Protein backbone atom coordinates (compact mmCIF):
# COMPACT_ATOMS: atom_id res chain seq x y z
CA MET A 1 -30.33 0.41 15.85
CA GLN A 2 -29.03 -0.85 12.82
CA ARG A 3 -29.91 -4.19 13.80
CA ARG A 4 -33.55 -3.16 14.51
CA TYR A 5 -33.61 -1.01 11.45
CA ARG A 6 -32.61 -4.22 9.64
CA ALA A 7 -35.10 -6.50 11.42
CA ILE A 8 -38.02 -4.57 10.75
CA THR A 9 -37.53 -3.65 6.96
CA GLY A 10 -35.32 -6.62 5.82
CA LEU A 11 -32.62 -3.90 4.31
CA SER A 12 -30.01 -1.93 5.95
CA GLN A 13 -30.43 1.98 6.34
CA THR A 14 -27.84 2.18 3.28
CA ALA A 15 -29.70 -0.23 0.82
CA VAL A 16 -32.76 1.73 1.68
CA ARG A 17 -31.12 5.44 0.62
CA GLN A 18 -29.47 3.65 -2.54
CA ILE A 19 -32.74 2.56 -3.91
CA ASP A 20 -34.41 6.14 -2.69
CA ARG A 21 -31.57 7.54 -4.80
CA ALA A 22 -32.03 5.87 -7.72
CA ASN A 23 -35.79 6.07 -7.62
CA ALA A 24 -34.89 10.03 -7.67
CA ALA A 25 -32.67 9.62 -10.34
CA ALA A 26 -35.20 7.53 -12.49
CA THR A 27 -37.86 10.56 -12.10
CA MET A 28 -35.69 13.11 -13.05
CA LEU A 29 -34.76 11.12 -16.16
CA ARG A 30 -38.36 10.42 -16.92
CA ASP A 31 -38.93 14.21 -16.60
CA GLY A 32 -36.45 14.74 -19.20
CA LEU A 33 -33.33 15.87 -17.48
CA ASP A 34 -30.16 14.49 -19.14
CA TRP A 35 -27.89 12.41 -17.20
CA ARG A 36 -25.31 14.73 -16.35
CA THR A 37 -27.78 17.10 -14.28
CA VAL A 38 -28.51 13.97 -12.63
CA VAL A 39 -25.24 12.80 -11.56
CA GLU A 40 -24.39 16.11 -10.17
CA THR A 41 -27.41 16.47 -8.51
CA LEU A 42 -27.96 13.40 -6.97
CA ARG A 43 -23.91 13.15 -6.40
CA TYR A 44 -23.16 10.06 -8.41
CA PHE A 45 -19.57 9.56 -8.92
CA ASP A 46 -19.89 9.65 -12.77
CA GLN A 47 -22.19 8.12 -15.57
CA ALA A 48 -21.33 4.34 -14.85
CA HIS A 49 -22.28 4.56 -11.25
CA LEU A 50 -25.32 6.11 -12.14
CA ALA A 51 -26.02 3.19 -14.83
CA HIS A 52 -25.02 0.69 -12.24
CA ALA A 53 -27.67 1.80 -9.95
CA LEU A 54 -30.53 2.25 -12.54
CA ARG A 55 -29.91 -1.17 -13.50
CA ARG A 56 -29.62 -2.46 -10.27
CA TYR A 57 -32.66 -1.16 -8.51
CA VAL A 58 -34.94 0.22 -11.40
CA GLY A 59 -34.35 -2.33 -14.08
CA CYS A 60 -33.99 -0.24 -17.15
CA THR A 61 -30.90 2.18 -18.64
CA ALA A 62 -31.38 6.14 -18.40
CA ARG A 63 -32.16 5.85 -22.27
CA GLU A 64 -35.12 3.82 -21.70
CA LEU A 65 -36.42 5.66 -18.85
CA GLN A 66 -35.81 9.12 -21.03
CA ALA A 67 -37.59 7.24 -24.28
CA GLY A 68 -40.48 6.60 -22.23
CA HIS A 69 -40.48 2.76 -23.25
CA LEU A 70 -41.66 1.53 -19.68
CA ALA A 71 -45.32 2.26 -19.82
CA ALA A 72 -45.37 2.03 -15.39
CA MET A 73 -43.22 1.56 -13.01
CA SER A 74 -45.30 0.54 -9.98
CA PHE A 75 -42.29 0.66 -7.41
CA LEU A 76 -41.49 4.39 -8.29
CA TYR A 77 -43.34 6.32 -5.91
CA LYS A 78 -44.63 10.04 -6.90
CA THR A 79 -42.14 12.90 -5.52
CA HIS A 80 -44.22 15.22 -7.04
CA PRO A 81 -47.85 15.92 -7.37
CA GLY A 82 -49.66 15.09 -10.60
CA PRO A 83 -52.63 16.21 -12.56
CA GLY A 84 -55.95 15.53 -10.34
CA SER A 85 -53.70 15.13 -6.72
């Protein structure tokens, strides 16, 4: 089953879960939650673990996400409906 999943998506199931978790963390940080809450909620080991995942999968830091320096991040899907949805 794992080989079939990887053949279809090009990624392992573990990689997809890590990407989803990093995207959820990015969304939470952009919504104004602090890193401690994100680490506890998404069960990262510590701040360094969260920071590494954000740099690897999202391409920015928690501080950049919270400050809103990134105008648009097209690869982040909506986790909740926005205005007009």
